[in-house]
């Protein structure tokens, strides 16, 4: 449905790439919220850290 791609998997985290229009992205985010989203990037080409460490804001 969402044409998602699993980019990375670790024992504690996973990175999923989902592309599509705003409505499709919004629906995917709502579906994944119960899993506990640590970081979300919504833009064009980006780099996202892989593995269990997440970015921390200062």
PDB file of N, CA and C in Angstrom:
ATOM      1  N   UNK A   1       0.828  -1.193   0.000  1.00  0.00           N
ATOM      2  CA  UNK A   1       0.000   0.000   0.000  1.00  0.00           C
ATOM      3  C   UNK A   1       0.868   1.250   0.000  1.00  0.00           C
ATOM      4  N   UNK A   2       1.900   1.268   0.868  1.00  0.00           N
ATOM      5  CA  UNK A   2       2.711   2.472   1.013  1.00  0.00           C
ATOM      6  C   UNK A   2       4.007   2.421   0.206  1.00  0.00           C
ATOM      7  N   UNK A   3       4.273   1.309  -0.433  1.00  0.00           N
ATOM      8  CA  UNK A   3       5.525   1.134  -1.177  1.00  0.00           C
ATOM      9  C   UNK A   3       6.730   1.447  -0.298  1.00  0.00           C
ATOM     10  N   UNK A   4       6.665   0.980   0.941  1.00  0.00           N
ATOM     11  CA  UNK A   4       7.750   1.209   1.893  1.00  0.00           C
ATOM     12  C   UNK A   4       8.928   0.297   1.612  1.00  0.00           C
ATOM     13  N   UNK A   5      10.094   0.760   2.012  1.00  0.00           N
ATOM     14  CA  UNK A   5      11.321  -0.008   1.844  1.00  0.00           C
ATOM     15  C   UNK A   5      12.048  -0.015   3.187  1.00  0.00           C
ATOM     16  N   UNK A   6      12.371  -1.194   3.699  1.00  0.00           N
ATOM     17  CA  UNK A   6      13.135  -1.293   4.937  1.00  0.00           C
ATOM     18  C   UNK A   6      14.593  -1.055   4.587  1.00  0.00           C
ATOM     19  N   UNK A   7      15.162   0.010   5.157  1.00  0.00           N
ATOM     20  CA  UNK A   7      16.521   0.429   4.842  1.00  0.00           C
ATOM     21  C   UNK A   7      17.521  -0.180   5.816  1.00  0.00           C
ATOM     22  N   UNK A   8      17.135  -0.297   7.098  1.00  0.00           N
ATOM     23  CA  UNK A   8      18.054  -0.804   8.118  1.00  0.00           C
ATOM     24  C   UNK A   8      17.247  -1.405   9.262  1.00  0.00           C
ATOM     25  N   UNK A   9      17.798  -2.466   9.869  1.00  0.00           N
ATOM     26  CA  UNK A   9      17.149  -3.115  11.004  1.00  0.00           C
ATOM     27  C   UNK A   9      18.209  -3.414  12.054  1.00  0.00           C
ATOM     28  N   UNK A  10      17.901  -3.106  13.308  1.00  0.00           N
ATOM     29  CA  UNK A  10      18.743  -3.497  14.439  1.00  0.00           C
ATOM     30  C   UNK A  10      17.809  -4.098  15.486  1.00  0.00           C
ATOM     31  N   UNK A  11      18.355  -4.666  16.564  1.00  0.00           N
ATOM     32  CA  UNK A  11      17.472  -5.250  17.580  1.00  0.00           C
ATOM     33  C   UNK A  11      16.491  -4.247  18.199  1.00  0.00           C
ATOM     34  N   UNK A  12      16.832  -2.950  18.191  1.00  0.00           N
ATOM     35  CA  UNK A  12      15.975  -1.956  18.835  1.00  0.00           C
ATOM     36  C   UNK A  12      15.295  -0.989  17.879  1.00  0.00           C
ATOM     37  N   UNK A  13      15.763  -0.895  16.646  1.00  0.00           N
ATOM     38  CA  UNK A  13      15.223   0.108  15.725  1.00  0.00           C
ATOM     39  C   UNK A  13      15.115  -0.432  14.308  1.00  0.00           C
ATOM     40  N   UNK A  14      14.375   0.289  13.502  1.00  0.00           N
ATOM     41  CA  UNK A  14      14.373   0.034  12.071  1.00  0.00           C
ATOM     42  C   UNK A  14      14.157   1.352  11.353  1.00  0.00           C
ATOM     43  N   UNK A  15      14.682   1.425  10.138  1.00  0.00           N
ATOM     44  CA  UNK A  15      14.536   2.611   9.302  1.00  0.00           C
ATOM     45  C   UNK A  15      13.717   2.205   8.092  1.00  0.00           C
ATOM     46  N   UNK A  16      12.655   2.952   7.842  1.00  0.00           N
ATOM     47  CA  UNK A  16      11.771   2.672   6.714  1.00  0.00           C
ATOM     48  C   UNK A  16      11.748   3.886   5.799  1.00  0.00           C
ATOM     49  N   UNK A  17      11.838   3.641   4.511  1.00  0.00           N
ATOM     50  CA  UNK A  17      11.708   4.708   3.512  1.00  0.00           C
ATOM     51  C   UNK A  17      10.338   4.565   2.864  1.00  0.00           C
ATOM     52  N   UNK A  18       9.558   5.623   2.926  1.00  0.00           N
ATOM     53  CA  UNK A  18       8.239   5.621   2.299  1.00  0.00           C
ATOM     54  C   UNK A  18       8.148   6.850   1.413  1.00  0.00           C
ATOM     55  N   UNK A  19       7.757   6.648   0.183  1.00  0.00           N
ATOM     56  CA  UNK A  19       7.606   7.768  -0.738  1.00  0.00           C
ATOM     57  C   UNK A  19       6.162   7.847  -1.201  1.00  0.00           C
ATOM     58  N   UNK A  20       5.735   9.050  -1.525  1.00  0.00           N
ATOM     59  CA  UNK A  20       4.377   9.232  -2.011  1.00  0.00           C
ATOM     60  C   UNK A  20       3.895  10.642  -1.756  1.00  0.00           C
ATOM     61  N   UNK A  21       2.627  10.870  -2.058  1.00  0.00           N
ATOM     62  CA  UNK A  21       2.070  12.204  -1.835  1.00  0.00           C
ATOM     63  C   UNK A  21       1.812  12.419  -0.343  1.00  0.00           C
ATOM     64  N   UNK A  22       1.455  13.644   0.018  1.00  0.00           N
ATOM     65  CA  UNK A  22       1.298  14.009   1.426  1.00  0.00           C
ATOM     66  C   UNK A  22       0.281  13.134   2.151  1.00  0.00           C
ATOM     67  N   UNK A  23      -0.822  12.814   1.503  1.00  0.00           N
ATOM     68  CA  UNK A  23      -1.853  11.984   2.129  1.00  0.00           C
ATOM     69  C   UNK A  23      -1.354  10.581   2.438  1.00  0.00           C
ATOM     70  N   UNK A  24      -0.609  10.004   1.523  1.00  0.00           N
ATOM     71  CA  UNK A  24      -0.081   8.657   1.728  1.00  0.00           C
ATOM     72  C   UNK A  24       0.954   8.650   2.856  1.00  0.00           C
ATOM     73  N   UNK A  25       1.809   9.671   2.898  1.00  0.00           N
ATOM     74  CA  UNK A  25       2.811   9.764   3.958  1.00  0.00           C
ATOM     75  C   UNK A  25       2.124   9.944   5.310  1.00  0.00           C
ATOM     76  N   UNK A  26       1.133  10.813   5.369  1.00  0.00           N
ATOM     77  CA  UNK A  26       0.399  11.054   6.615  1.00  0.00           C
ATOM     78  C   UNK A  26      -0.250   9.760   7.115  1.00  0.00           C
ATOM     79  N   UNK A  27      -0.857   9.002   6.222  1.00  0.00           N
ATOM     80  CA  UNK A  27      -1.503   7.745   6.607  1.00  0.00           C
ATOM     81  C   UNK A  27      -0.479   6.739   7.134  1.00  0.00           C
ATOM     82  N   UNK A  28       0.682   6.667   6.512  1.00  0.00           N
ATOM     83  CA  UNK A  28       1.730   5.752   6.967  1.00  0.00           C
ATOM     84  C   UNK A  28       2.226   6.146   8.353  1.00  0.00           C
ATOM     85  N   UNK A  29       2.422   7.442   8.578  1.00  0.00           N
ATOM     86  CA  UNK A  29       2.881   7.926   9.886  1.00  0.00           C
ATOM     87  C   UNK A  29       1.854   7.577  10.961  1.00  0.00           C
ATOM     88  N   UNK A  30       0.584   7.787  10.691  1.00  0.00           N
ATOM     89  CA  UNK A  30      -0.463   7.460  11.665  1.00  0.00           C
ATOM     90  C   UNK A  30      -0.462   5.965  11.978  1.00  0.00           C
ATOM     91  N   UNK A  31      -0.253   5.146  10.970  1.00  0.00           N
ATOM     92  CA  UNK A  31      -0.226   3.700  11.160  1.00  0.00           C
ATOM     93  C   UNK A  31       0.975   3.273  12.008  1.00  0.00           C
ATOM     94  N   UNK A  32       2.109   3.967  11.867  1.00  0.00           N
ATOM     95  CA  UNK A  32       3.334   3.601  12.577  1.00  0.00           C
ATOM     96  C   UNK A  32       3.463   4.234  13.963  1.00  0.00           C
ATOM     97  N   UNK A  33       2.644   5.221  14.291  1.00  0.00           N
ATOM     98  CA  UNK A  33       2.745   5.898  15.596  1.00  0.00           C
ATOM     99  C   UNK A  33       2.731   4.939  16.785  1.00  0.00           C
ATOM    100  N   UNK A  34       1.882   3.908  16.817  1.00  0.00           N
ATOM    101  CA  UNK A  34       1.894   2.993  17.963  1.00  0.00           C
ATOM    102  C   UNK A  34       3.230   2.268  18.156  1.00  0.00           C
ATOM    103  N   UNK A  35       4.052   2.203  17.128  1.00  0.00           N
ATOM    104  CA  UNK A  35       5.372   1.563  17.235  1.00  0.00           C
ATOM    105  C   UNK A  35       6.361   2.448  17.975  1.00  0.00           C
ATOM    106  N   UNK A  36       6.064   3.747  18.075  1.00  0.00           N
ATOM    107  CA  UNK A  36       6.970   4.680  18.740  1.00  0.00           C
ATOM    108  C   UNK A  36       7.975   5.256  17.762  1.00  0.00           C
ATOM    109  N   UNK A  37       7.634   6.333  17.107  1.00  0.00           N
ATOM    110  CA  UNK A  37       8.529   6.965  16.137  1.00  0.00           C
ATOM    111  C   UNK A  37       9.528   7.829  16.894  1.00  0.00           C
ATOM    112  N   UNK A  38      10.807   7.532  16.765  1.00  0.00           N
ATOM    113  CA  UNK A  38      11.866   8.310  17.422  1.00  0.00           C
ATOM    114  C   UNK A  38      12.292   9.503  16.586  1.00  0.00           C
ATOM    115  N   UNK A  39      12.310   9.319  15.292  1.00  0.00           N
ATOM    116  CA  UNK A  39      12.790  10.367  14.399  1.00  0.00           C
ATOM    117  C   UNK A  39      12.005  10.259  13.097  1.00  0.00           C
ATOM    118  N   UNK A  40      11.639  11.400  12.547  1.00  0.00           N
ATOM    119  CA  UNK A  40      10.868  11.420  11.312  1.00  0.00           C
ATOM    120  C   UNK A  40      11.422  12.514  10.419  1.00  0.00           C
ATOM    121  N   UNK A  41      11.699  12.158   9.175  1.00  0.00           N
ATOM    122  CA  UNK A  41      12.214  13.123   8.204  1.00  0.00           C
ATOM    123  C   UNK A  41      11.258  13.132   7.024  1.00  0.00           C
ATOM    124  N   UNK A  42      10.759  14.315   6.691  1.00  0.00           N
ATOM    125  CA  UNK A  42       9.852  14.447   5.547  1.00  0.00           C
ATOM    126  C   UNK A  42      10.399  15.521   4.629  1.00  0.00           C
ATOM    127  N   UNK A  43      11.111  15.090   3.603  1.00  0.00           N
ATOM    128  CA  UNK A  43      11.721  16.031   2.662  1.00  0.00           C
ATOM    129  C   UNK A  43      12.190  15.273   1.428  1.00  0.00           C
ATOM    130  N   UNK A  44      13.007  15.909   0.633  1.00  0.00           N
ATOM    131  CA  UNK A  44      13.586  15.267  -0.552  1.00  0.00           C
ATOM    132  C   UNK A  44      14.710  14.333  -0.150  1.00  0.00           C
ATOM    133  N   UNK A  45      15.818  14.359  -0.867  1.00  0.00           N
ATOM    134  CA  UNK A  45      16.965  13.508  -0.561  1.00  0.00           C
ATOM    135  C   UNK A  45      17.549  13.878   0.794  1.00  0.00           C
ATOM    136  N   UNK A  46      17.760  12.862   1.639  1.00  0.00           N
ATOM    137  CA  UNK A  46      18.272  13.101   2.991  1.00  0.00           C
ATOM    138  C   UNK A  46      19.209  11.975   3.416  1.00  0.00           C
ATOM    139  N   UNK A  47      19.889  12.197   4.522  1.00  0.00           N
ATOM    140  CA  UNK A  47      20.679  11.155   5.175  1.00  0.00           C
ATOM    141  C   UNK A  47      20.099  10.955   6.568  1.00  0.00           C
ATOM    142  N   UNK A  48      19.922   9.697   6.973  1.00  0.00           N
ATOM    143  CA  UNK A  48      19.378   9.371   8.282  1.00  0.00           C
ATOM    144  C   UNK A  48      20.331   8.384   8.947  1.00  0.00           C
ATOM    145  N   UNK A  49      20.643   8.605  10.226  1.00  0.00           N
ATOM    146  CA  UNK A  49      21.540   7.728  10.964  1.00  0.00           C
ATOM    147  C   UNK A  49      20.946   6.327  11.037  1.00  0.00           C
ATOM    148  N   UNK A  50      21.787   5.311  10.873  1.00  0.00           N
ATOM    149  CA  UNK A  50      21.347   3.928  10.965  1.00  0.00           C
ATOM    150  C   UNK A  50      21.728   3.361  12.319  1.00  0.00           C
ATOM    151  N   UNK A  51      20.954   2.402  12.807  1.00  0.00           N
ATOM    152  CA  UNK A  51      21.262   1.732  14.060  1.00  0.00           C
ATOM    153  C   UNK A  51      20.464   2.270  15.227  1.00  0.00           C
ATOM    154  N   UNK A  52      20.785   1.800  16.450  1.00  0.00           N
ATOM    155  CA  UNK A  52      19.971   2.123  17.616  1.00  0.00           C
ATOM    156  C   UNK A  52      20.154   3.528  18.170  1.00  0.00           C
ATOM    157  N   UNK A  53      21.202   4.235  17.796  1.00  0.00           N
ATOM    158  CA  UNK A  53      21.412   5.586  18.315  1.00  0.00           C
ATOM    159  C   UNK A  53      20.539   6.565  17.550  1.00  0.00           C
ATOM    160  N   UNK A  54      19.929   7.494  18.266  1.00  0.00           N
ATOM    161  CA  UNK A  54      19.129   8.523  17.608  1.00  0.00           C
ATOM    162  C   UNK A  54      19.733   9.880  17.902  1.00  0.00           C
ATOM    163  N   UNK A  55      19.362  10.848  17.112  1.00  0.00           N
ATOM    164  CA  UNK A  55      19.869  12.197  17.308  1.00  0.00           C
ATOM    165  C   UNK A  55      19.286  12.786  18.579  1.00  0.00           C
ATOM    166  N   UNK A  56      20.078  13.563  19.289  1.00  0.00           N
ATOM    167  CA  UNK A  56      19.599  14.240  20.492  1.00  0.00           C
ATOM    168  C   UNK A  56      19.739  15.733  20.281  1.00  0.00           C
ATOM    169  N   UNK A  57      18.684  16.460  20.567  1.00  0.00           N
ATOM    170  CA  UNK A  57      18.718  17.910  20.442  1.00  0.00           C
ATOM    171  C   UNK A  57      19.390  18.512  21.659  1.00  0.00           C
ATOM    172  N   UNK A  58      20.217  19.528  21.435  1.00  0.00           N
ATOM    173  CA  UNK A  58      20.925  20.182  22.540  1.00  0.00           C
ATOM    174  C   UNK A  58      20.016  21.154  23.246  1.00  0.00           C
TER     175      UNK A  58
END
